[in-house]
N, C-alpha and C. Protein backbone atom coordinates (compact mmCIF):
# COMPACT_ATOMS: atom_id res chain seq x y z
N MET A 1 -40.07 91.12 -0.18
CA MET A 1 -38.89 90.46 -0.63
C MET A 1 -37.85 91.35 0.35
N ASN A 2 -36.54 91.00 0.80
CA ASN A 2 -35.78 91.83 0.98
C ASN A 2 -35.27 92.48 0.41
N GLU A 3 -34.49 93.88 0.48
CA GLU A 3 -34.12 94.99 0.00
C GLU A 3 -32.97 94.55 -1.06
N LEU A 4 -32.14 93.64 -0.32
CA LEU A 4 -31.08 93.02 -0.86
C LEU A 4 -31.34 91.73 -1.95
N GLY A 5 -32.68 91.39 -1.84
CA GLY A 5 -33.02 90.27 -3.00
C GLY A 5 -32.00 89.38 -2.84
N SER A 6 -31.84 88.63 -4.18
CA SER A 6 -30.59 87.47 -3.82
C SER A 6 -29.70 87.66 -2.73
N TYR A 7 -29.15 88.59 -2.37
CA TYR A 7 -27.90 88.76 -1.39
C TYR A 7 -28.29 88.92 -0.32
N GLY A 8 -29.70 88.67 0.01
CA GLY A 8 -30.34 88.96 1.65
C GLY A 8 -29.64 87.70 2.45
N GLY A 9 -28.96 86.93 1.78
CA GLY A 9 -28.46 85.90 2.95
C GLY A 9 -27.32 85.97 3.66
N GLY A 10 -26.97 86.99 3.58
CA GLY A 10 -25.83 87.27 4.30
C GLY A 10 -24.70 87.84 3.37
N GLY A 11 -23.24 88.60 4.43
CA GLY A 11 -22.40 88.77 3.85
C GLY A 11 -21.21 87.72 3.06
N ALA A 12 -21.39 86.53 3.73
CA ALA A 12 -20.62 85.31 3.22
C ALA A 12 -21.28 84.55 1.90
N MET A 13 -22.31 84.80 1.63
CA MET A 13 -23.16 84.44 0.11
C MET A 13 -22.55 85.29 -0.42
N PHE A 14 -23.02 86.27 -0.21
CA PHE A 14 -22.29 87.87 -1.25
C PHE A 14 -20.81 88.17 -1.76
N GLU A 15 -20.12 87.53 -0.67
CA GLU A 15 -18.75 87.61 -0.97
C GLU A 15 -18.37 86.48 -1.93
N MET A 16 -18.90 84.91 -1.52
CA MET A 16 -18.72 84.00 -2.26
C MET A 16 -19.30 84.32 -3.78
N ILE A 17 -20.19 84.52 -3.87
CA ILE A 17 -21.31 85.12 -5.18
C ILE A 17 -19.88 85.98 -5.92
N THR A 18 -19.68 87.00 -5.17
CA THR A 18 -18.81 87.88 -6.20
C THR A 18 -17.47 87.28 -6.74
N ARG A 19 -16.88 86.68 -6.08
CA ARG A 19 -15.25 86.36 -6.03
C ARG A 19 -15.46 85.40 -7.50
N GLN A 20 -16.77 84.45 -6.93
CA GLN A 20 -17.07 83.66 -8.48
C GLN A 20 -17.37 84.29 -9.82
N MET A 21 -17.76 85.71 -9.43
CA MET A 21 -18.27 86.16 -10.57
C MET A 21 -17.11 86.35 -11.32
N MET A 22 -15.68 87.23 -10.68
CA MET A 22 -14.56 88.08 -11.24
C MET A 22 -14.02 86.43 -11.53
N ALA A 23 -13.99 85.18 -10.78
CA ALA A 23 -13.00 84.30 -11.40
C ALA A 23 -13.93 83.51 -12.83
N ASN A 24 -15.21 83.38 -13.10
CA ASN A 24 -15.53 82.80 -13.92
C ASN A 24 -16.57 82.95 -15.38
N GLU A 25 -16.92 84.55 -14.99
CA GLU A 25 -17.41 85.13 -16.22
C GLU A 25 -16.28 85.34 -17.14
N ASN A 26 -16.29 84.59 -18.26
CA ASN A 26 -15.87 84.74 -19.46
C ASN A 26 -16.75 85.24 -21.09
N PRO A 27 -16.83 86.02 -21.44
CA PRO A 27 -15.99 87.31 -21.11
C PRO A 27 -16.33 87.76 -19.59
N PRO A 28 -15.33 88.85 -19.03
CA PRO A 28 -15.53 89.56 -17.94
C PRO A 28 -17.11 90.25 -18.26
N LEU A 29 -17.58 90.62 -17.45
CA LEU A 29 -18.67 91.73 -17.22
C LEU A 29 -18.35 93.18 -17.10
N GLU A 30 -19.37 93.84 -17.29
CA GLU A 30 -18.87 95.10 -17.18
C GLU A 30 -19.43 95.66 -15.99
N TYR A 31 -19.45 96.40 -14.96
CA TYR A 31 -19.68 97.04 -13.39
C TYR A 31 -20.22 98.53 -13.20
N GLN A 32 -21.21 98.88 -13.43
CA GLN A 32 -20.88 100.30 -12.80
C GLN A 32 -20.39 100.42 -11.56
N CYS A 33 -19.65 102.13 -11.91
CA CYS A 33 -19.17 102.04 -10.37
C CYS A 33 -18.95 103.31 -10.66
N ARG A 34 -18.19 104.08 -9.30
CA ARG A 34 -17.95 105.73 -9.24
C ARG A 34 -16.62 105.91 -8.36
N PRO A 35 -15.64 106.99 -8.35
CA PRO A 35 -14.65 107.02 -7.70
C PRO A 35 -15.55 106.77 -5.91
N CYS A 36 -14.09 106.59 -5.34
CA CYS A 36 -14.67 106.44 -4.05
C CYS A 36 -14.44 108.04 -3.19
N VAL A 37 -15.86 108.54 -3.12
CA VAL A 37 -15.72 110.49 -2.51
C VAL A 37 -16.91 110.63 -2.32
N GLY A 38 -17.34 111.72 -1.16
CA GLY A 38 -18.26 111.73 -0.25
C GLY A 38 -19.50 111.66 -1.45
N LYS A 39 -20.84 111.93 -0.66
CA LYS A 39 -22.07 112.49 -1.79
C LYS A 39 -22.22 113.41 -1.87
N ASN A 40 -21.46 114.41 -1.16
CA ASN A 40 -21.80 116.20 -1.66
C ASN A 40 -20.62 116.17 -2.51
N VAL A 41 -19.98 115.41 -3.07
CA VAL A 41 -18.72 115.88 -4.35
C VAL A 41 -19.57 115.49 -5.56
N LYS A 42 -19.39 116.34 -6.84
CA LYS A 42 -19.93 116.01 -7.87
C LYS A 42 -19.83 114.67 -8.59
N GLU A 43 -18.62 113.92 -7.93
CA GLU A 43 -18.12 112.46 -8.95
C GLU A 43 -18.78 111.72 -8.54
N TYR A 44 -19.61 111.48 -7.31
CA TYR A 44 -20.37 110.61 -6.59
C TYR A 44 -21.19 110.07 -7.38
N ASN A 45 -22.12 111.24 -8.37
CA ASN A 45 -22.88 111.28 -8.99
C ASN A 45 -22.50 110.49 -10.58
N SER A 46 -21.11 110.71 -11.18
CA SER A 46 -21.10 110.79 -11.59
C SER A 46 -20.30 109.35 -12.19
N THR A 47 -21.08 107.98 -12.55
CA THR A 47 -20.41 106.99 -13.14
C THR A 47 -20.41 106.48 -14.18
N ARG A 48 -19.64 105.13 -14.33
CA ARG A 48 -19.53 104.83 -15.45
C ARG A 48 -19.80 103.40 -15.41
N PHE A 49 -18.92 102.38 -16.60
CA PHE A 49 -18.81 100.95 -16.28
C PHE A 49 -17.23 100.82 -16.53
N ILE A 50 -16.82 99.28 -15.77
CA ILE A 50 -15.66 98.95 -15.92
C ILE A 50 -15.61 97.80 -15.80
N LYS A 51 -14.73 97.11 -16.59
CA LYS A 51 -14.77 95.58 -16.94
C LYS A 51 -13.99 95.03 -15.88
N LEU A 52 -14.27 94.12 -15.25
CA LEU A 52 -13.83 93.59 -14.01
C LEU A 52 -13.83 91.82 -14.35
N GLY A 53 -12.60 91.26 -13.81
CA GLY A 53 -12.99 89.84 -13.96
C GLY A 53 -11.33 88.97 -14.71
N THR A 54 -11.25 87.86 -13.95
CA THR A 54 -10.27 87.21 -15.12
C THR A 54 -10.54 86.49 -16.14
N GLY A 55 -11.43 85.70 -16.16
CA GLY A 55 -12.39 85.00 -17.09
C GLY A 55 -11.91 83.63 -16.93
N LYS A 56 -11.05 83.06 -16.19
CA LYS A 56 -10.10 82.39 -16.18
C LYS A 56 -10.46 80.84 -15.14
N GLY A 57 -11.68 81.34 -14.33
CA GLY A 57 -12.39 80.41 -13.47
C GLY A 57 -11.08 79.36 -12.43
N ALA A 58 -10.14 80.39 -12.07
CA ALA A 58 -9.28 79.90 -10.93
C ALA A 58 -9.45 80.58 -9.81
N ILE A 59 -9.30 79.97 -8.59
CA ILE A 59 -9.74 80.57 -6.99
C ILE A 59 -8.64 79.65 -6.54
N SER A 60 -7.85 80.49 -5.71
CA SER A 60 -7.09 79.85 -4.53
C SER A 60 -7.00 80.39 -3.32
N HIS A 61 -7.14 79.69 -2.06
CA HIS A 61 -6.98 79.92 -0.51
C HIS A 61 -5.46 79.89 -0.37
N VAL A 62 -5.02 81.16 0.01
CA VAL A 62 -3.57 81.15 0.18
C VAL A 62 -3.67 81.84 1.82
N VAL A 63 -2.78 81.57 2.20
CA VAL A 63 -1.85 82.87 3.48
C VAL A 63 -2.23 84.49 3.20
N GLU A 64 -1.66 84.52 2.26
CA GLU A 64 -0.91 85.98 1.34
C GLU A 64 -1.52 85.83 0.12
N PRO A 65 -2.26 86.82 0.01
CA PRO A 65 -3.11 86.90 -1.47
C PRO A 65 -2.06 87.60 -2.45
N ILE A 66 -1.65 89.10 -2.13
CA ILE A 66 -1.08 89.41 -2.54
C ILE A 66 0.50 89.14 -2.92
N GLU A 67 1.36 87.94 -1.94
CA GLU A 67 2.48 88.05 -2.27
C GLU A 67 2.03 86.63 -3.16
N ALA A 68 0.71 85.82 -3.42
CA ALA A 68 0.58 85.03 -4.44
C ALA A 68 0.67 85.20 -5.79
N ALA A 69 -0.28 86.26 -5.90
CA ALA A 69 -0.42 87.01 -6.65
C ALA A 69 1.13 87.22 -7.59
N LYS A 70 1.60 87.94 -6.76
CA LYS A 70 2.95 88.48 -7.95
C LYS A 70 3.36 87.16 -8.55
N GLN A 71 3.50 85.97 -7.77
CA GLN A 71 3.89 84.85 -8.92
C GLN A 71 2.66 84.22 -10.00
N LYS A 72 1.86 84.55 -9.65
CA LYS A 72 1.00 84.11 -10.81
C LYS A 72 -0.38 84.91 -11.04
N SER A 73 -0.27 85.56 -12.05
CA SER A 73 -1.69 86.39 -12.41
C SER A 73 -2.98 85.55 -12.98
N ASP A 74 -4.11 86.32 -12.98
CA ASP A 74 -5.31 85.95 -13.49
C ASP A 74 -6.23 84.81 -12.50
N VAL A 75 -5.17 84.89 -11.24
CA VAL A 75 -6.16 83.59 -10.60
C VAL A 75 -6.52 84.59 -9.01
N VAL A 76 -7.81 84.40 -8.62
CA VAL A 76 -8.40 85.38 -7.92
C VAL A 76 -8.21 84.77 -6.67
N PHE A 77 -6.78 85.27 -5.50
CA PHE A 77 -6.66 84.31 -4.21
C PHE A 77 -7.34 85.03 -3.12
N VAL A 78 -7.55 84.32 -2.18
CA VAL A 78 -8.49 84.18 -1.24
C VAL A 78 -7.98 83.93 -0.08
N PRO A 79 -7.78 85.26 1.11
CA PRO A 79 -6.95 84.69 2.16
C PRO A 79 -7.61 84.09 3.19
N ILE A 80 -6.58 82.65 3.46
CA ILE A 80 -7.08 82.27 4.84
C ILE A 80 -7.98 82.46 5.58
N ASN A 81 -6.51 83.46 6.52
CA ASN A 81 -7.14 83.98 7.19
C ASN A 81 -8.33 85.25 7.69
N ALA A 82 -9.29 84.43 7.86
CA ALA A 82 -10.38 85.29 7.80
C ALA A 82 -10.88 86.84 8.62
N SER A 83 -9.87 87.09 9.58
CA SER A 83 -9.48 88.04 10.41
C SER A 83 -9.05 89.46 9.41
N ASN A 84 -8.64 88.96 7.89
CA ASN A 84 -8.40 90.30 7.26
C ASN A 84 -9.40 90.94 7.21
N LYS A 85 -8.68 92.50 7.50
CA LYS A 85 -9.63 93.12 7.35
C LYS A 85 -9.96 94.33 6.35
N LEU A 86 -9.06 94.36 5.45
CA LEU A 86 -8.51 95.01 4.25
C LEU A 86 -9.65 95.08 3.00
N TYR A 87 -9.77 93.35 2.83
CA TYR A 87 -10.32 92.82 1.38
C TYR A 87 -10.47 91.27 1.68
N ASP A 88 -11.35 91.29 0.59
CA ASP A 88 -11.86 89.44 0.24
C ASP A 88 -11.12 88.79 -0.34
N PHE A 89 -10.94 89.52 -1.59
CA PHE A 89 -9.88 88.56 -2.40
C PHE A 89 -9.32 89.75 -3.79
N ALA A 90 -8.04 88.97 -4.20
CA ALA A 90 -7.37 89.77 -4.90
C ALA A 90 -6.93 88.92 -6.00
N TYR A 91 -6.78 89.60 -6.92
CA TYR A 91 -5.90 89.05 -8.27
C TYR A 91 -5.08 89.80 -9.06
N ARG A 92 -4.43 89.79 -9.88
CA ARG A 92 -2.94 90.96 -10.75
C ARG A 92 -3.46 90.59 -12.16
N ASP A 93 -3.58 91.69 -12.40
CA ASP A 93 -4.21 91.62 -14.16
C ASP A 93 -2.68 91.13 -15.10
N SER A 94 -2.64 90.09 -15.70
CA SER A 94 -2.01 89.70 -16.82
C SER A 94 -1.37 90.36 -17.57
N ASP A 95 -2.39 91.40 -18.28
CA ASP A 95 -2.11 92.41 -18.96
C ASP A 95 -1.59 93.75 -18.95
N SER A 96 -2.17 94.26 -17.82
CA SER A 96 -1.49 95.29 -17.09
C SER A 96 -0.52 95.17 -15.83
N GLY A 97 -0.60 94.38 -15.04
CA GLY A 97 0.53 93.93 -14.39
C GLY A 97 -0.18 94.69 -12.98
N ILE A 98 -1.73 94.99 -12.49
CA ILE A 98 -2.49 95.73 -11.67
C ILE A 98 -2.71 94.79 -10.65
N PHE A 99 -2.57 94.62 -9.74
CA PHE A 99 -3.22 94.42 -8.24
C PHE A 99 -4.47 94.80 -8.42
N ARG A 100 -5.43 93.97 -8.43
CA ARG A 100 -7.29 94.39 -8.48
C ARG A 100 -7.41 93.49 -6.95
N VAL A 101 -7.88 94.78 -6.10
CA VAL A 101 -8.00 94.09 -4.58
C VAL A 101 -9.65 94.45 -4.85
N PHE A 102 -10.03 93.61 -3.87
CA PHE A 102 -11.76 93.51 -4.17
C PHE A 102 -12.07 93.71 -2.06
N GLN A 103 -13.11 94.69 -2.08
CA GLN A 103 -13.64 94.04 -0.35
C GLN A 103 -15.16 94.43 -0.78
N THR A 104 -15.98 93.27 -0.26
CA THR A 104 -17.25 93.13 0.24
C THR A 104 -18.37 93.39 1.01
N THR A 105 -19.61 94.22 0.63
CA THR A 105 -20.18 94.50 1.65
C THR A 105 -21.27 94.76 1.58
N LEU A 106 -22.39 94.16 2.36
CA LEU A 106 -23.81 94.62 2.02
C LEU A 106 -24.46 95.91 3.13
N LYS A 107 -23.03 96.48 3.79
CA LYS A 107 -23.78 97.52 4.67
C LYS A 107 -23.90 98.73 3.41
N GLN A 108 -24.14 100.09 4.22
CA GLN A 108 -24.46 101.46 3.85
C GLN A 108 -22.69 101.65 3.50
N SER A 109 -21.96 101.61 4.61
CA SER A 109 -20.74 102.04 4.41
C SER A 109 -19.12 100.99 4.93
N HIS A 110 -18.22 101.08 4.74
CA HIS A 110 -17.37 100.29 5.30
C HIS A 110 -15.97 100.93 5.79
N SER A 111 -15.26 100.21 5.99
CA SER A 111 -13.73 101.33 6.98
C SER A 111 -13.11 101.26 5.41
N ALA A 112 -12.75 102.54 5.63
CA ALA A 112 -11.32 102.40 4.15
C ALA A 112 -10.31 103.07 5.32
N ASN A 113 -9.52 102.28 6.16
CA ASN A 113 -8.30 102.65 6.61
C ASN A 113 -7.19 103.07 5.76
N ALA A 114 -7.27 104.63 5.51
CA ALA A 114 -5.69 104.99 4.80
C ALA A 114 -4.48 104.26 4.96
N ASN A 115 -4.00 104.13 6.63
CA ASN A 115 -2.72 103.48 6.69
C ASN A 115 -2.70 102.03 6.03
N ASN A 116 -3.73 101.24 6.59
CA ASN A 116 -3.85 100.14 5.93
C ASN A 116 -3.62 99.55 4.22
N ILE A 117 -4.72 101.14 3.58
CA ILE A 117 -4.36 101.39 2.43
C ILE A 117 -2.97 101.65 1.80
N LYS A 118 -2.10 102.30 2.40
CA LYS A 118 -0.96 102.56 1.98
C LYS A 118 0.10 101.57 2.07
N SER A 119 -0.60 100.78 3.23
CA SER A 119 0.54 99.48 3.14
C SER A 119 0.80 98.72 2.42
N LEU A 120 -0.80 98.37 1.93
CA LEU A 120 -0.94 97.48 0.41
C LEU A 120 -0.06 98.41 -0.62
N GLU A 121 -0.14 99.60 -0.72
CA GLU A 121 0.14 100.08 -1.85
C GLU A 121 1.42 99.61 -1.84
N SER A 122 2.38 99.89 -0.76
CA SER A 122 3.90 99.43 -0.46
C SER A 122 4.25 98.37 -0.88
N GLN A 123 3.17 97.05 -0.34
CA GLN A 123 3.57 96.07 -0.59
C GLN A 123 3.55 95.54 -2.33
N VAL A 124 2.43 95.93 -3.01
CA VAL A 124 2.35 95.95 -4.41
C VAL A 124 3.44 96.46 -5.44
N GLY A 125 4.00 97.19 -4.93
CA GLY A 125 5.41 98.19 -5.62
C GLY A 125 5.01 99.18 -5.90
N GLY A 126 4.11 100.26 -5.17
CA GLY A 126 3.52 101.33 -5.61
C GLY A 126 2.11 101.82 -5.63
N ALA A 127 1.55 102.89 -5.68
CA ALA A 127 0.09 103.69 -5.66
C ALA A 127 -0.50 102.74 -7.45
N THR A 128 0.65 102.90 -8.05
CA THR A 128 -0.05 102.45 -9.84
C THR A 128 -0.26 101.58 -9.82
N LYS A 129 0.55 100.84 -8.97
CA LYS A 129 0.16 99.21 -9.28
C LYS A 129 -0.61 98.81 -8.41
N LEU A 130 -2.10 99.41 -7.99
CA LEU A 130 -2.75 99.12 -7.09
C LEU A 130 -4.43 100.07 -7.19
N VAL A 131 -5.48 98.97 -7.56
CA VAL A 131 -6.96 99.53 -7.51
C VAL A 131 -7.30 98.55 -6.50
N LEU A 132 -8.28 99.26 -5.68
CA LEU A 132 -8.85 98.59 -4.50
C LEU A 132 -10.91 99.12 -4.77
N TYR A 133 -11.52 98.43 -5.00
CA TYR A 133 -12.34 98.18 -5.39
C TYR A 133 -13.64 97.63 -4.03
N TYR A 134 -14.85 98.98 -3.63
CA TYR A 134 -15.44 98.39 -2.75
C TYR A 134 -16.83 97.92 -3.36
N LEU A 135 -17.51 96.22 -3.77
CA LEU A 135 -17.90 95.50 -4.37
C LEU A 135 -19.32 95.65 -3.05
N VAL A 136 -20.51 96.30 -3.88
CA VAL A 136 -21.80 96.67 -2.85
C VAL A 136 -23.14 95.95 -4.03
N PRO A 137 -24.17 95.87 -3.25
CA PRO A 137 -25.58 95.31 -4.03
C PRO A 137 -25.60 96.12 -4.83
N SER A 138 -26.52 96.29 -5.47
CA SER A 138 -27.11 97.64 -6.34
C SER A 138 -28.28 98.09 -5.53
N ALA A 139 -28.16 97.24 -5.06
CA ALA A 139 -29.37 98.22 -3.81
C ALA A 139 -28.61 99.21 -2.62
N ARG A 140 -27.41 98.95 -2.32
CA ARG A 140 -26.57 99.61 -1.10
C ARG A 140 -26.27 100.79 -2.61
N PHE A 141 -26.12 100.94 -3.54
CA PHE A 141 -24.84 101.44 -4.44
C PHE A 141 -25.33 102.98 -4.65
N PRO A 142 -26.32 103.47 -4.48
CA PRO A 142 -26.90 104.95 -4.23
C PRO A 142 -26.48 105.58 -3.39
N VAL A 143 -26.32 104.67 -2.31
CA VAL A 143 -26.08 105.65 -0.86
C VAL A 143 -24.67 104.89 0.01
N PHE A 144 -24.08 104.21 -0.45
CA PHE A 144 -22.60 103.56 -0.10
C PHE A 144 -21.55 104.77 -0.25
N VAL A 145 -21.17 104.99 0.89
CA VAL A 145 -20.18 105.71 1.28
C VAL A 145 -18.80 104.62 2.00
N THR A 146 -17.64 105.25 1.85
CA THR A 146 -16.43 104.54 2.51
C THR A 146 -16.39 105.35 4.00
N ASP A 147 -15.77 104.53 4.90
CA ASP A 147 -15.30 105.77 6.57
C ASP A 147 -13.54 105.21 6.16
N LYS A 148 -12.89 106.32 5.91
CA LYS A 148 -13.09 107.98 5.50
C LYS A 148 -13.83 107.70 4.10
N VAL A 149 -14.75 108.99 3.68
CA VAL A 149 -15.55 108.85 2.55
C VAL A 149 -14.72 108.62 1.36
N ASP A 150 -13.01 109.68 1.69
CA ASP A 150 -12.63 109.87 0.49
C ASP A 150 -10.65 109.60 0.91
N PRO A 151 -10.07 108.26 1.13
CA PRO A 151 -8.77 107.93 1.56
C PRO A 151 -7.96 108.91 0.79
N THR A 152 -8.12 109.37 -0.28
CA THR A 152 -6.80 110.21 -0.82
C THR A 152 -6.29 111.68 -0.22
N LYS A 153 -7.70 111.90 0.47
CA LYS A 153 -7.44 113.35 1.78
C LYS A 153 -6.12 112.59 2.68
N GLU A 154 -6.04 111.28 3.04
CA GLU A 154 -5.38 111.12 3.83
C GLU A 154 -3.94 110.08 3.59
N GLY A 155 -3.72 110.74 2.15
CA GLY A 155 -2.37 110.29 1.53
C GLY A 155 -2.52 109.14 0.76
N VAL A 156 -3.88 108.44 0.58
CA VAL A 156 -3.65 107.29 -0.21
C VAL A 156 -3.84 107.73 -2.01
N LYS A 157 -2.67 107.16 -2.63
CA LYS A 157 -2.54 107.56 -3.85
C LYS A 157 -3.27 106.54 -4.99
N CYS A 158 -3.37 105.48 -4.56
CA CYS A 158 -4.47 104.93 -5.23
C CYS A 158 -5.30 104.66 -6.19
N LYS A 159 -6.21 104.15 -7.16
CA LYS A 159 -7.33 104.54 -7.53
C LYS A 159 -8.36 103.71 -6.36
N ILE A 160 -9.63 104.35 -6.27
CA ILE A 160 -10.57 103.68 -5.57
C ILE A 160 -11.87 103.50 -6.09
N PHE A 161 -12.53 102.83 -5.89
CA PHE A 161 -14.13 102.69 -6.57
C PHE A 161 -15.16 101.74 -5.58
N HIS A 162 -16.29 102.56 -5.76
CA HIS A 162 -17.56 101.84 -5.58
C HIS A 162 -17.86 100.91 -6.28
N VAL A 163 -18.63 99.91 -6.55
CA VAL A 163 -19.14 98.96 -7.96
C VAL A 163 -20.04 98.28 -7.37
N SER A 164 -21.04 98.59 -8.56
CA SER A 164 -22.45 97.99 -8.05
C SER A 164 -22.94 96.72 -8.58
N ILE A 165 -23.06 95.81 -7.63
CA ILE A 165 -22.61 94.06 -8.00
C ILE A 165 -24.58 94.00 -8.58
N PRO A 166 -24.70 93.71 -9.66
CA PRO A 166 -26.51 93.53 -9.94
C PRO A 166 -27.07 92.16 -9.20
N ASP A 167 -28.41 92.66 -8.62
CA ASP A 167 -29.28 91.74 -8.37
C ASP A 167 -30.54 91.17 -9.92
N PRO A 168 -30.29 90.26 -10.21
CA PRO A 168 -30.91 89.67 -11.64
C PRO A 168 -32.78 89.98 -10.87
N ARG A 169 -32.88 89.54 -9.76
CA ARG A 169 -33.86 89.09 -9.14
C ARG A 169 -35.09 90.99 -9.22
N VAL A 170 -34.40 91.99 -8.79
CA VAL A 170 -34.56 92.90 -8.42
C VAL A 170 -34.56 94.26 -9.36
N GLU A 171 -33.00 94.13 -10.41
CA GLU A 171 -33.21 95.04 -11.12
C GLU A 171 -31.81 94.22 -11.97
N GLN A 172 -31.51 94.79 -12.84
CA GLN A 172 -30.51 95.23 -13.95
C GLN A 172 -29.49 95.79 -14.41
N SER A 173 -29.32 96.75 -13.70
CA SER A 173 -29.00 98.13 -14.25
C SER A 173 -27.22 98.10 -13.99
N GLY A 174 -26.74 96.63 -13.18
CA GLY A 174 -25.19 96.96 -12.31
C GLY A 174 -23.84 96.17 -13.45
N ALA A 175 -24.88 95.62 -14.55
CA ALA A 175 -24.29 95.13 -15.83
C ALA A 175 -24.66 95.41 -17.01
N THR A 176 -23.82 95.01 -17.96
CA THR A 176 -24.51 95.15 -19.34
C THR A 176 -25.57 94.25 -20.20
N LYS A 177 -26.49 94.96 -20.65
CA LYS A 177 -27.64 94.20 -21.19
C LYS A 177 -27.18 92.93 -21.65
N THR A 178 -26.51 93.13 -22.50
CA THR A 178 -26.26 91.77 -23.17
C THR A 178 -25.46 90.48 -22.18
N ASP A 179 -24.94 90.57 -20.77
CA ASP A 179 -24.43 89.99 -20.15
C ASP A 179 -25.96 89.47 -19.02
N ASP A 180 -26.93 90.19 -19.04
CA ASP A 180 -28.07 89.78 -17.76
C ASP A 180 -27.87 88.50 -17.72
N LEU A 181 -28.38 87.61 -18.45
CA LEU A 181 -28.93 86.62 -18.39
C LEU A 181 -27.66 85.54 -17.68
N LYS A 182 -26.17 85.91 -18.56
CA LYS A 182 -25.45 85.37 -17.49
C LYS A 182 -25.24 85.66 -16.42
N VAL A 183 -25.53 86.51 -16.34
CA VAL A 183 -25.22 86.62 -14.19
C VAL A 183 -26.50 86.20 -13.57
N GLU A 184 -27.64 86.00 -14.12
CA GLU A 184 -28.86 85.30 -13.75
C GLU A 184 -27.88 83.69 -13.47
N ASN A 185 -27.73 83.47 -14.34
CA ASN A 185 -26.99 81.99 -14.59
C ASN A 185 -26.43 81.64 -13.32
N SER A 186 -25.35 82.56 -13.37
CA SER A 186 -24.14 82.56 -12.99
C SER A 186 -24.29 82.54 -11.35
N GLN A 187 -25.30 83.63 -11.04
CA GLN A 187 -25.97 83.36 -9.69
C GLN A 187 -26.33 82.46 -8.45
N ALA A 188 -27.70 81.66 -9.55
CA ALA A 188 -28.31 80.45 -9.50
C ALA A 188 -27.37 79.32 -9.15
N LYS A 189 -26.52 79.29 -10.00
CA LYS A 189 -25.29 78.35 -9.39
C LYS A 189 -24.70 78.49 -8.48
N MET A 190 -24.01 79.84 -8.13
CA MET A 190 -23.17 79.83 -6.97
C MET A 190 -24.32 79.50 -5.61
N LYS A 191 -25.22 80.01 -5.88
CA LYS A 191 -26.66 79.76 -4.57
C LYS A 191 -27.07 78.19 -4.14
N GLU A 192 -26.38 77.50 -5.50
CA GLU A 192 -27.01 76.16 -5.25
C GLU A 192 -25.76 75.78 -4.84
N GLY A 193 -24.82 75.80 -5.25
CA GLY A 193 -23.59 75.56 -4.50
C GLY A 193 -23.34 75.92 -3.26
N LEU A 194 -23.59 76.91 -2.36
CA LEU A 194 -23.65 77.38 -1.08
C LEU A 194 -24.73 76.01 -0.38
N VAL A 195 -25.52 75.96 -0.75
CA VAL A 195 -26.96 75.19 -0.30
C VAL A 195 -25.92 73.80 0.05
N ALA A 196 -25.25 72.99 -0.75
CA ALA A 196 -24.69 71.93 -0.73
C ALA A 196 -22.97 71.90 -0.26
N ARG A 197 -22.69 73.15 0.25
CA ARG A 197 -21.06 73.44 0.74
C ARG A 197 -21.43 73.20 2.35
N SER A 198 -20.59 72.57 2.20
CA SER A 198 -20.38 71.86 4.05
C SER A 198 -18.77 72.52 4.50
N ALA A 199 -18.03 72.47 3.55
CA ALA A 199 -16.54 72.73 3.81
C ALA A 199 -16.48 74.64 3.33
N PRO A 200 -15.07 74.89 4.08
CA PRO A 200 -14.47 76.69 3.93
C PRO A 200 -14.21 76.41 2.33
N VAL A 201 -14.26 75.25 1.50
CA VAL A 201 -13.73 75.51 0.12
C VAL A 201 -14.78 74.97 -0.73
N SER A 202 -15.07 75.56 -2.30
CA SER A 202 -16.46 74.84 -2.92
C SER A 202 -15.16 74.31 -3.75
N GLU A 203 -16.00 73.10 -4.54
CA GLU A 203 -15.37 72.21 -5.59
C GLU A 203 -14.94 73.09 -6.62
N ALA A 204 -15.26 74.49 -6.69
CA ALA A 204 -14.44 74.95 -7.83
C ALA A 204 -13.16 75.66 -7.22
N GLU A 205 -13.02 75.82 -5.82
CA GLU A 205 -11.78 76.64 -5.50
C GLU A 205 -10.90 75.55 -4.51
N THR A 206 -9.74 76.06 -4.44
CA THR A 206 -9.10 75.26 -4.15
C THR A 206 -7.75 75.83 -2.94
N ASN A 207 -7.21 74.92 -2.32
CA ASN A 207 -6.48 75.27 -1.25
C ASN A 207 -5.00 75.73 -1.61
N GLU A 208 -4.16 76.32 -0.59
CA GLU A 208 -3.13 76.95 -1.01
C GLU A 208 -2.27 75.96 -1.96
N GLY A 209 -1.53 76.24 -2.64
CA GLY A 209 -0.78 75.39 -3.94
C GLY A 209 -1.35 74.78 -4.74
N GLU A 210 -2.76 74.96 -4.69
CA GLU A 210 -3.15 74.52 -6.03
C GLU A 210 -4.24 75.75 -6.72
N THR A 211 -4.08 75.38 -8.07
CA THR A 211 -5.75 76.37 -8.53
C THR A 211 -6.22 75.45 -9.44
N ASP A 212 -7.61 75.75 -9.95
CA ASP A 212 -8.37 75.27 -10.85
C ASP A 212 -8.72 76.24 -12.05
N ASN A 213 -8.36 75.50 -13.20
CA ASN A 213 -8.55 76.49 -14.44
C ASN A 213 -9.67 76.38 -14.98
N GLY A 214 -10.86 75.64 -14.31
CA GLY A 214 -12.26 75.58 -14.67
C GLY A 214 -12.75 74.49 -16.26
N GLN A 215 -11.38 73.91 -16.35
CA GLN A 215 -11.57 73.45 -17.11
C GLN A 215 -11.81 71.77 -17.31
């Protein structure tokens, strides 16, 4: 078996599965995470669980996800422009007003350009309104770091986390035990949808100006 298990099909599949998990899992799941630091820092091995996702079932492809999220909360917005290098999707939490921005990767490292992150902090209205998450398969989580390993040393002030996405075919360590079956069922459905998907947007997703509430 590929060491990435269910996610061995490539980055596009992983990105699609994770954004649909963030939109569709209701109630939202809890995921193992750590602060964005280097391996030689004590906090690297001090993980905890955080709840992520909207649970609303709404995904929308737009030109500018952050601007769209300012107008509507609890929708997972995906940039139409595939050249967006800073993040893959984002949503604004209706309870806290925080912009939750996600970058997915199958690799052991991913760029964390401090200037780009600081620009995003300004765009959302300040660092306290932004949290950035690097989503990686659970097989990568034990070794994953960003480049720079700790952007806060470059003037970034927002919170940044590495997040482990569980693979039910390999291990069940990334989500709470009560939600393991939900993760497995969700991922099976996502993979089935990917096989049948011929257009850039799946039936559960919508183009700019429209959202699907999943009902």
